[in-house]
Amino acid sequence: MGCSVRSERVRPLLVAASLAIAGAAWGQVGKLPADAVDGFHAALKRKDTAGALSHLDRALVVFEFGTTDPTVEAYALSHLPGDMDMAAIADWTLQARRVGGSGNERWVLSTYRISGKRPDGKAIDQVMLETAIVRRVGESFRIVHLHWSSDKNDFQSWAQTKQRPAP
């Protein structure tokens, strides 16, 4: 059996295990809407898959650079690994944030300045816009929708080449 075939068989098992581990941590997320977003970004920076998943609702839908991950499983299999790689090499500085909504559904609009260096040595210097919709689950909030866009087309193209196609 070739390495890529074995990898394709093992990947779903790893995602299932990560979701199970994250399930245990899902009670530990933030009590404010922005806590879910900040906790998610911190977990990405640490390359902590279970930690990142613990901030995501099971109904998650992600719009990222013109692509869609329609489920949390699809995001975990396709874009999450690349998002963690990017977060590990870049600094996301929060420039502005608005939080709104009421009841169990809230939104968090954030603008970040992202800086760092890509593995090829090219500088990263851009603005990233993020829309997060969060839902109260018990005493905490979890992200049910993320939408990212950037002011730099070349960064979007480069970031997309680092992503795996959604299953």
N, C-alpha and C. Protein backbone atom coordinates (compact mmCIF):
# COMPACT_ATOMS: atom_id res chain seq x y z
N MET A 1 0.86 -1.17 0.00
CA MET A 1 0.00 0.00 0.00
C MET A 1 0.90 1.23 0.00
N GLY A 2 0.65 2.15 -0.93
CA GLY A 2 1.46 3.36 -1.03
C GLY A 2 1.24 4.30 0.13
N CYS A 3 2.20 5.17 0.33
CA CYS A 3 2.13 6.13 1.45
C CYS A 3 0.92 7.04 1.33
N SER A 4 0.60 7.51 0.11
CA SER A 4 -0.54 8.42 -0.03
C SER A 4 -1.86 7.71 0.21
N VAL A 5 -1.97 6.44 -0.17
CA VAL A 5 -3.19 5.67 0.09
C VAL A 5 -3.36 5.47 1.59
N ARG A 6 -2.28 5.10 2.26
CA ARG A 6 -2.32 4.92 3.71
C ARG A 6 -2.67 6.23 4.39
N SER A 7 -2.08 7.32 3.92
CA SER A 7 -2.37 8.63 4.49
C SER A 7 -3.84 8.98 4.34
N GLU A 8 -4.41 8.69 3.17
CA GLU A 8 -5.83 8.99 2.94
C GLU A 8 -6.73 8.16 3.84
N ARG A 9 -6.30 6.97 4.22
CA ARG A 9 -7.10 6.14 5.12
C ARG A 9 -6.94 6.57 6.57
N VAL A 10 -5.78 7.03 6.92
CA VAL A 10 -5.50 7.40 8.31
C VAL A 10 -6.04 8.78 8.65
N ARG A 11 -6.02 9.70 7.69
CA ARG A 11 -6.46 11.08 7.95
C ARG A 11 -7.84 11.18 8.59
N PRO A 12 -8.87 10.49 8.06
CA PRO A 12 -10.18 10.58 8.71
C PRO A 12 -10.17 10.05 10.14
N LEU A 13 -9.36 9.03 10.40
CA LEU A 13 -9.26 8.51 11.76
C LEU A 13 -8.64 9.53 12.70
N LEU A 14 -7.63 10.24 12.21
CA LEU A 14 -7.00 11.27 13.03
C LEU A 14 -7.96 12.41 13.31
N VAL A 15 -8.75 12.79 12.31
CA VAL A 15 -9.75 13.85 12.52
C VAL A 15 -10.78 13.40 13.54
N ALA A 16 -11.26 12.16 13.41
CA ALA A 16 -12.25 11.65 14.36
C ALA A 16 -11.68 11.65 15.78
N ALA A 17 -10.42 11.24 15.91
CA ALA A 17 -9.79 11.25 17.23
C ALA A 17 -9.66 12.67 17.76
N SER A 18 -9.27 13.61 16.90
CA SER A 18 -9.15 15.00 17.33
C SER A 18 -10.48 15.57 17.76
N LEU A 19 -11.55 15.24 17.02
CA LEU A 19 -12.88 15.71 17.40
C LEU A 19 -13.31 15.11 18.73
N ALA A 20 -12.96 13.86 18.96
CA ALA A 20 -13.30 13.23 20.24
C ALA A 20 -12.56 13.90 21.39
N ILE A 21 -11.27 14.17 21.18
CA ILE A 21 -10.48 14.86 22.22
C ILE A 21 -11.03 16.26 22.44
N ALA A 22 -11.35 16.96 21.35
CA ALA A 22 -11.90 18.31 21.47
C ALA A 22 -13.23 18.29 22.19
N GLY A 23 -14.00 17.23 21.99
CA GLY A 23 -15.30 17.13 22.66
C GLY A 23 -15.16 17.22 24.16
N ALA A 24 -14.12 16.62 24.69
CA ALA A 24 -13.89 16.68 26.13
C ALA A 24 -13.54 18.09 26.57
N ALA A 25 -12.91 18.85 25.69
CA ALA A 25 -12.51 20.22 26.03
C ALA A 25 -13.59 21.24 25.72
N TRP A 26 -14.67 20.85 25.05
CA TRP A 26 -15.67 21.82 24.61
C TRP A 26 -16.34 22.54 25.75
N GLY A 27 -16.30 22.02 26.95
CA GLY A 27 -16.87 22.73 28.08
C GLY A 27 -15.94 23.80 28.62
N GLN A 28 -14.73 23.92 28.07
CA GLN A 28 -13.72 24.81 28.63
C GLN A 28 -13.53 26.09 27.82
N VAL A 29 -14.44 26.40 26.91
CA VAL A 29 -14.26 27.59 26.08
C VAL A 29 -14.78 28.84 26.78
N GLY A 30 -14.55 30.01 26.16
CA GLY A 30 -14.82 31.29 26.80
C GLY A 30 -16.28 31.62 27.01
N LYS A 31 -16.50 32.47 27.99
CA LYS A 31 -17.86 32.87 28.35
C LYS A 31 -18.33 34.11 27.59
N LEU A 32 -17.43 34.83 26.94
CA LEU A 32 -17.79 36.00 26.13
C LEU A 32 -17.65 35.63 24.65
N PRO A 33 -18.44 36.26 23.77
CA PRO A 33 -18.34 35.93 22.34
C PRO A 33 -16.92 36.01 21.78
N ALA A 34 -16.18 37.06 22.11
CA ALA A 34 -14.83 37.22 21.57
C ALA A 34 -13.85 36.20 22.15
N ASP A 35 -14.16 35.63 23.32
CA ASP A 35 -13.28 34.61 23.90
C ASP A 35 -13.14 33.40 22.98
N ALA A 36 -14.23 33.02 22.32
CA ALA A 36 -14.18 31.88 21.40
C ALA A 36 -13.23 32.18 20.25
N VAL A 37 -13.30 33.39 19.71
CA VAL A 37 -12.44 33.79 18.58
C VAL A 37 -10.98 33.86 19.03
N ASP A 38 -10.73 34.52 20.16
CA ASP A 38 -9.35 34.65 20.64
C ASP A 38 -8.76 33.30 21.03
N GLY A 39 -9.56 32.45 21.64
CA GLY A 39 -9.09 31.12 22.00
C GLY A 39 -8.76 30.28 20.77
N PHE A 40 -9.58 30.41 19.75
CA PHE A 40 -9.34 29.70 18.49
C PHE A 40 -8.02 30.15 17.88
N HIS A 41 -7.78 31.47 17.81
CA HIS A 41 -6.53 31.98 17.25
C HIS A 41 -5.32 31.54 18.07
N ALA A 42 -5.45 31.54 19.39
CA ALA A 42 -4.34 31.10 20.25
C ALA A 42 -4.02 29.63 19.99
N ALA A 43 -5.04 28.81 19.82
CA ALA A 43 -4.82 27.38 19.54
C ALA A 43 -4.17 27.19 18.17
N LEU A 44 -4.59 27.98 17.17
CA LEU A 44 -3.94 27.90 15.86
C LEU A 44 -2.46 28.21 15.98
N LYS A 45 -2.13 29.27 16.72
CA LYS A 45 -0.73 29.68 16.88
C LYS A 45 0.11 28.58 17.53
N ARG A 46 -0.50 27.85 18.48
CA ARG A 46 0.19 26.74 19.17
C ARG A 46 0.20 25.46 18.34
N LYS A 47 -0.50 25.48 17.20
CA LYS A 47 -0.69 24.28 16.37
C LYS A 47 -1.36 23.17 17.18
N ASP A 48 -2.36 23.58 17.95
CA ASP A 48 -3.10 22.69 18.85
C ASP A 48 -4.44 22.34 18.20
N THR A 49 -4.48 21.23 17.50
CA THR A 49 -5.69 20.84 16.76
C THR A 49 -6.88 20.69 17.69
N ALA A 50 -6.73 19.94 18.77
CA ALA A 50 -7.85 19.72 19.69
C ALA A 50 -8.30 21.03 20.31
N GLY A 51 -7.35 21.89 20.65
CA GLY A 51 -7.70 23.19 21.22
C GLY A 51 -8.48 24.05 20.24
N ALA A 52 -8.04 24.08 18.97
CA ALA A 52 -8.75 24.85 17.95
C ALA A 52 -10.15 24.31 17.76
N LEU A 53 -10.28 23.00 17.65
CA LEU A 53 -11.59 22.39 17.45
C LEU A 53 -12.52 22.62 18.63
N SER A 54 -11.96 22.79 19.81
CA SER A 54 -12.80 22.99 21.00
C SER A 54 -13.55 24.32 20.96
N HIS A 55 -13.12 25.24 20.12
CA HIS A 55 -13.79 26.54 20.00
C HIS A 55 -14.79 26.57 18.85
N LEU A 56 -14.91 25.47 18.13
CA LEU A 56 -15.78 25.40 16.97
C LEU A 56 -17.03 24.59 17.27
N ASP A 57 -18.16 25.11 16.82
CA ASP A 57 -19.42 24.39 16.97
C ASP A 57 -19.50 23.27 15.94
N ARG A 58 -20.24 22.24 16.25
CA ARG A 58 -20.38 21.12 15.31
C ARG A 58 -21.09 21.53 14.02
N ALA A 59 -21.79 22.66 14.03
CA ALA A 59 -22.49 23.16 12.84
C ALA A 59 -21.63 24.14 12.03
N LEU A 60 -20.34 24.20 12.28
CA LEU A 60 -19.44 25.16 11.65
C LEU A 60 -19.52 25.14 10.12
N VAL A 61 -19.49 26.35 9.53
CA VAL A 61 -19.31 26.55 8.09
C VAL A 61 -18.23 27.62 7.95
N VAL A 62 -17.21 27.36 7.12
CA VAL A 62 -16.11 28.31 6.94
C VAL A 62 -16.06 28.77 5.49
N PHE A 63 -15.99 30.09 5.29
CA PHE A 63 -15.71 30.69 3.98
C PHE A 63 -14.30 31.24 4.08
N GLU A 64 -13.40 30.71 3.26
CA GLU A 64 -12.01 31.12 3.35
C GLU A 64 -11.45 31.30 1.94
N PHE A 65 -11.14 32.55 1.59
CA PHE A 65 -10.51 32.86 0.31
C PHE A 65 -11.26 32.25 -0.86
N GLY A 66 -12.58 32.37 -0.87
CA GLY A 66 -13.38 31.90 -1.99
C GLY A 66 -13.73 30.42 -1.98
N THR A 67 -13.37 29.71 -0.92
CA THR A 67 -13.74 28.30 -0.80
C THR A 67 -14.64 28.12 0.41
N THR A 68 -15.33 27.00 0.45
CA THR A 68 -16.24 26.72 1.56
C THR A 68 -15.91 25.37 2.17
N ASP A 69 -15.86 25.34 3.49
CA ASP A 69 -15.83 24.09 4.24
C ASP A 69 -17.19 23.99 4.90
N PRO A 70 -18.07 23.09 4.43
CA PRO A 70 -19.45 23.06 4.90
C PRO A 70 -19.67 22.41 6.26
N THR A 71 -18.65 21.77 6.80
CA THR A 71 -18.77 21.11 8.11
C THR A 71 -17.48 21.28 8.89
N VAL A 72 -17.55 21.06 10.19
CA VAL A 72 -16.34 21.11 11.01
C VAL A 72 -15.37 20.01 10.58
N GLU A 73 -15.89 18.86 10.17
CA GLU A 73 -15.01 17.78 9.72
C GLU A 73 -14.29 18.16 8.43
N ALA A 74 -15.01 18.80 7.51
CA ALA A 74 -14.37 19.24 6.26
C ALA A 74 -13.28 20.27 6.55
N TYR A 75 -13.55 21.21 7.46
CA TYR A 75 -12.55 22.20 7.82
C TYR A 75 -11.33 21.53 8.46
N ALA A 76 -11.58 20.58 9.36
CA ALA A 76 -10.48 19.90 10.04
C ALA A 76 -9.61 19.12 9.06
N LEU A 77 -10.21 18.56 8.03
CA LEU A 77 -9.46 17.78 7.04
C LEU A 77 -8.78 18.63 5.98
N SER A 78 -9.31 19.82 5.70
CA SER A 78 -8.77 20.58 4.58
C SER A 78 -8.00 21.81 5.00
N HIS A 79 -8.65 22.80 5.58
CA HIS A 79 -8.00 24.08 5.83
C HIS A 79 -7.34 24.23 7.20
N LEU A 80 -7.80 23.52 8.20
CA LEU A 80 -7.24 23.69 9.54
C LEU A 80 -5.73 23.48 9.59
N PRO A 81 -5.18 22.42 8.99
CA PRO A 81 -3.71 22.25 9.07
C PRO A 81 -2.95 23.43 8.47
N GLY A 82 -3.40 23.94 7.33
CA GLY A 82 -2.74 25.10 6.72
C GLY A 82 -2.91 26.36 7.53
N ASP A 83 -4.09 26.52 8.14
CA ASP A 83 -4.31 27.69 8.99
C ASP A 83 -3.38 27.67 10.20
N MET A 84 -3.14 26.48 10.75
CA MET A 84 -2.21 26.38 11.88
C MET A 84 -0.79 26.69 11.42
N ASP A 85 -0.40 26.19 10.25
CA ASP A 85 0.94 26.49 9.73
C ASP A 85 1.13 27.99 9.54
N MET A 86 0.11 28.67 8.99
CA MET A 86 0.21 30.11 8.78
C MET A 86 0.26 30.87 10.11
N ALA A 87 -0.57 30.46 11.05
CA ALA A 87 -0.60 31.15 12.35
C ALA A 87 0.74 31.01 13.07
N ALA A 88 1.40 29.87 12.86
CA ALA A 88 2.67 29.63 13.54
C ALA A 88 3.80 30.53 13.03
N ILE A 89 3.71 30.99 11.78
CA ILE A 89 4.80 31.81 11.22
C ILE A 89 4.46 33.29 11.16
N ALA A 90 3.24 33.66 11.58
CA ALA A 90 2.82 35.05 11.45
C ALA A 90 2.25 35.56 12.77
N ASP A 91 2.37 36.87 12.95
CA ASP A 91 1.77 37.53 14.11
C ASP A 91 0.51 38.24 13.67
N TRP A 92 -0.60 37.93 14.34
CA TRP A 92 -1.89 38.56 14.06
C TRP A 92 -2.12 39.61 15.14
N THR A 93 -2.04 40.89 14.77
CA THR A 93 -2.26 41.98 15.71
C THR A 93 -3.66 42.53 15.50
N LEU A 94 -4.48 42.46 16.53
CA LEU A 94 -5.85 42.95 16.44
C LEU A 94 -5.82 44.47 16.32
N GLN A 95 -6.45 45.00 15.25
CA GLN A 95 -6.50 46.44 15.04
C GLN A 95 -7.85 47.03 15.41
N ALA A 96 -8.91 46.28 15.17
CA ALA A 96 -10.26 46.78 15.48
C ALA A 96 -11.18 45.58 15.68
N ARG A 97 -12.18 45.79 16.54
CA ARG A 97 -13.16 44.72 16.76
C ARG A 97 -14.49 45.31 17.15
N ARG A 98 -15.55 44.73 16.60
CA ARG A 98 -16.92 45.05 17.01
C ARG A 98 -17.62 43.75 17.33
N VAL A 99 -18.40 43.78 18.39
CA VAL A 99 -19.16 42.61 18.81
C VAL A 99 -20.62 43.03 18.90
N GLY A 100 -21.52 42.19 18.42
CA GLY A 100 -22.93 42.52 18.47
C GLY A 100 -23.79 41.28 18.50
N GLY A 101 -25.08 41.52 18.34
CA GLY A 101 -26.04 40.43 18.39
C GLY A 101 -26.69 40.38 19.76
N SER A 102 -27.56 39.42 19.93
CA SER A 102 -28.22 39.27 21.22
C SER A 102 -28.63 37.82 21.40
N GLY A 103 -28.98 37.49 22.62
CA GLY A 103 -29.40 36.12 22.90
C GLY A 103 -28.27 35.13 22.68
N ASN A 104 -28.59 34.02 22.07
CA ASN A 104 -27.61 32.96 21.88
C ASN A 104 -26.76 33.12 20.63
N GLU A 105 -27.12 34.05 19.74
CA GLU A 105 -26.37 34.26 18.49
C GLU A 105 -25.69 35.63 18.55
N ARG A 106 -24.39 35.65 18.36
CA ARG A 106 -23.61 36.90 18.38
C ARG A 106 -22.67 36.92 17.18
N TRP A 107 -22.12 38.09 16.90
CA TRP A 107 -21.12 38.20 15.85
C TRP A 107 -19.92 38.97 16.38
N VAL A 108 -18.77 38.63 15.83
CA VAL A 108 -17.51 39.27 16.19
C VAL A 108 -16.81 39.63 14.88
N LEU A 109 -16.66 40.94 14.63
CA LEU A 109 -16.00 41.44 13.43
C LEU A 109 -14.62 41.95 13.83
N SER A 110 -13.59 41.38 13.24
CA SER A 110 -12.22 41.75 13.62
C SER A 110 -11.40 42.12 12.40
N THR A 111 -10.51 43.08 12.60
CA THR A 111 -9.51 43.45 11.60
C THR A 111 -8.15 43.22 12.23
N TYR A 112 -7.30 42.47 11.52
CA TYR A 112 -5.96 42.15 12.01
C TYR A 112 -4.91 42.66 11.04
N ARG A 113 -3.76 43.05 11.56
CA ARG A 113 -2.56 43.28 10.75
C ARG A 113 -1.73 42.02 10.94
N ILE A 114 -1.41 41.36 9.83
CA ILE A 114 -0.63 40.13 9.89
C ILE A 114 0.76 40.41 9.36
N SER A 115 1.76 40.01 10.14
CA SER A 115 3.15 40.21 9.72
C SER A 115 3.95 38.96 10.03
N GLY A 116 5.03 38.80 9.30
CA GLY A 116 5.90 37.64 9.49
C GLY A 116 6.64 37.36 8.21
N LYS A 117 7.16 36.13 8.10
CA LYS A 117 7.86 35.70 6.88
C LYS A 117 7.36 34.33 6.48
N ARG A 118 7.09 34.21 5.18
CA ARG A 118 6.72 32.91 4.64
C ARG A 118 7.95 32.01 4.63
N PRO A 119 7.77 30.70 4.51
CA PRO A 119 8.92 29.80 4.46
C PRO A 119 9.89 30.11 3.32
N ASP A 120 9.40 30.73 2.24
CA ASP A 120 10.27 31.10 1.12
C ASP A 120 11.01 32.41 1.35
N GLY A 121 10.83 33.02 2.55
CA GLY A 121 11.52 34.25 2.91
C GLY A 121 10.77 35.52 2.58
N LYS A 122 9.70 35.43 1.81
CA LYS A 122 8.93 36.62 1.44
C LYS A 122 8.18 37.14 2.67
N ALA A 123 8.21 38.47 2.82
CA ALA A 123 7.56 39.11 3.97
C ALA A 123 6.04 38.99 3.86
N ILE A 124 5.42 38.84 5.02
CA ILE A 124 3.96 38.88 5.12
C ILE A 124 3.62 40.21 5.78
N ASP A 125 2.84 41.02 5.11
CA ASP A 125 2.38 42.29 5.66
C ASP A 125 1.04 42.59 5.01
N GLN A 126 -0.03 42.35 5.74
CA GLN A 126 -1.35 42.49 5.15
C GLN A 126 -2.40 42.76 6.21
N VAL A 127 -3.57 43.10 5.73
CA VAL A 127 -4.73 43.26 6.59
C VAL A 127 -5.64 42.06 6.34
N MET A 128 -6.12 41.45 7.42
CA MET A 128 -7.06 40.33 7.32
C MET A 128 -8.35 40.74 8.00
N LEU A 129 -9.45 40.56 7.30
CA LEU A 129 -10.78 40.82 7.85
C LEU A 129 -11.40 39.49 8.24
N GLU A 130 -12.02 39.46 9.40
CA GLU A 130 -12.60 38.22 9.89
C GLU A 130 -14.01 38.48 10.41
N THR A 131 -14.95 37.70 9.95
CA THR A 131 -16.30 37.70 10.49
C THR A 131 -16.50 36.36 11.18
N ALA A 132 -16.88 36.40 12.44
CA ALA A 132 -17.18 35.18 13.19
C ALA A 132 -18.59 35.29 13.75
N ILE A 133 -19.37 34.27 13.53
CA ILE A 133 -20.68 34.16 14.18
C ILE A 133 -20.53 33.09 15.24
N VAL A 134 -20.93 33.43 16.45
CA VAL A 134 -20.78 32.50 17.56
C VAL A 134 -22.15 32.20 18.16
N ARG A 135 -22.25 31.02 18.75
CA ARG A 135 -23.51 30.59 19.36
C ARG A 135 -23.23 30.16 20.79
N ARG A 136 -24.14 30.58 21.68
CA ARG A 136 -24.02 30.17 23.08
C ARG A 136 -24.41 28.69 23.18
N VAL A 137 -23.55 27.95 23.83
CA VAL A 137 -23.80 26.54 24.11
C VAL A 137 -23.53 26.36 25.60
N GLY A 138 -24.58 26.25 26.38
CA GLY A 138 -24.40 26.21 27.83
C GLY A 138 -23.93 27.56 28.32
N GLU A 139 -22.81 27.56 29.00
CA GLU A 139 -22.25 28.79 29.58
C GLU A 139 -21.20 29.46 28.69
N SER A 140 -20.94 28.91 27.51
CA SER A 140 -19.86 29.45 26.68
C SER A 140 -20.35 29.67 25.25
N PHE A 141 -19.46 30.25 24.44
CA PHE A 141 -19.75 30.48 23.03
C PHE A 141 -18.81 29.64 22.18
N ARG A 142 -19.33 29.18 21.05
CA ARG A 142 -18.54 28.45 20.06
C ARG A 142 -18.78 29.07 18.69
N ILE A 143 -17.78 28.98 17.85
CA ILE A 143 -17.85 29.57 16.51
C ILE A 143 -18.66 28.65 15.59
N VAL A 144 -19.70 29.23 14.95
CA VAL A 144 -20.50 28.47 13.98
C VAL A 144 -20.20 28.90 12.54
N HIS A 145 -19.58 30.07 12.38
CA HIS A 145 -19.23 30.52 11.03
C HIS A 145 -18.00 31.43 11.11
N LEU A 146 -17.07 31.22 10.18
CA LEU A 146 -15.91 32.09 10.00
C LEU A 146 -15.85 32.48 8.54
N HIS A 147 -15.50 33.74 8.30
CA HIS A 147 -15.27 34.23 6.93
C HIS A 147 -14.04 35.12 6.98
N TRP A 148 -13.03 34.75 6.20
CA TRP A 148 -11.80 35.53 6.14
C TRP A 148 -11.62 36.11 4.74
N SER A 149 -11.10 37.33 4.69
CA SER A 149 -10.67 37.91 3.42
C SER A 149 -9.47 38.80 3.70
N SER A 150 -8.67 39.00 2.65
CA SER A 150 -7.41 39.73 2.80
C SER A 150 -7.34 40.85 1.77
N ASP A 151 -6.51 41.84 2.08
CA ASP A 151 -6.30 42.93 1.13
C ASP A 151 -5.24 42.59 0.09
N LYS A 152 -4.64 41.41 0.18
CA LYS A 152 -3.55 41.04 -0.73
C LYS A 152 -3.93 39.78 -1.52
N ASN A 153 -4.12 39.95 -2.81
CA ASN A 153 -4.46 38.80 -3.66
C ASN A 153 -3.34 37.78 -3.71
N ASP A 154 -2.08 38.24 -3.71
CA ASP A 154 -0.98 37.28 -3.78
C ASP A 154 -0.92 36.41 -2.54
N PHE A 155 -1.26 36.97 -1.39
CA PHE A 155 -1.29 36.17 -0.17
C PHE A 155 -2.39 35.13 -0.24
N GLN A 156 -3.56 35.54 -0.73
CA GLN A 156 -4.67 34.58 -0.85
C GLN A 156 -4.28 33.43 -1.75
N SER A 157 -3.65 33.73 -2.88
CA SER A 157 -3.22 32.68 -3.80
C SER A 157 -2.22 31.75 -3.13
N TRP A 158 -1.24 32.32 -2.43
CA TRP A 158 -0.23 31.51 -1.76
C TRP A 158 -0.87 30.66 -0.67
N ALA A 159 -1.76 31.26 0.12
CA ALA A 159 -2.40 30.52 1.21
C ALA A 159 -3.23 29.36 0.67
N GLN A 160 -3.92 29.57 -0.44
CA GLN A 160 -4.75 28.51 -1.00
C GLN A 160 -3.91 27.34 -1.50
N THR A 161 -2.70 27.59 -1.97
CA THR A 161 -1.86 26.48 -2.43
C THR A 161 -1.41 25.62 -1.26
N LYS A 162 -1.48 26.16 -0.05
CA LYS A 162 -1.07 25.42 1.14
C LYS A 162 -2.21 24.60 1.73
N GLN A 163 -3.42 24.76 1.21
CA GLN A 163 -4.59 24.08 1.76
C GLN A 163 -4.82 22.76 1.06
N ARG A 164 -5.45 21.86 1.77
CA ARG A 164 -5.88 20.60 1.17
C ARG A 164 -7.30 20.79 0.64
N PRO A 165 -7.66 20.13 -0.45
CA PRO A 165 -9.04 20.26 -0.94
C PRO A 165 -10.02 19.67 0.05
N ALA A 166 -11.18 20.28 0.16
CA ALA A 166 -12.21 19.77 1.06
C ALA A 166 -12.68 18.41 0.58
N PRO A 167 -12.98 17.51 1.52
CA PRO A 167 -13.43 16.16 1.13
C PRO A 167 -14.80 16.20 0.49
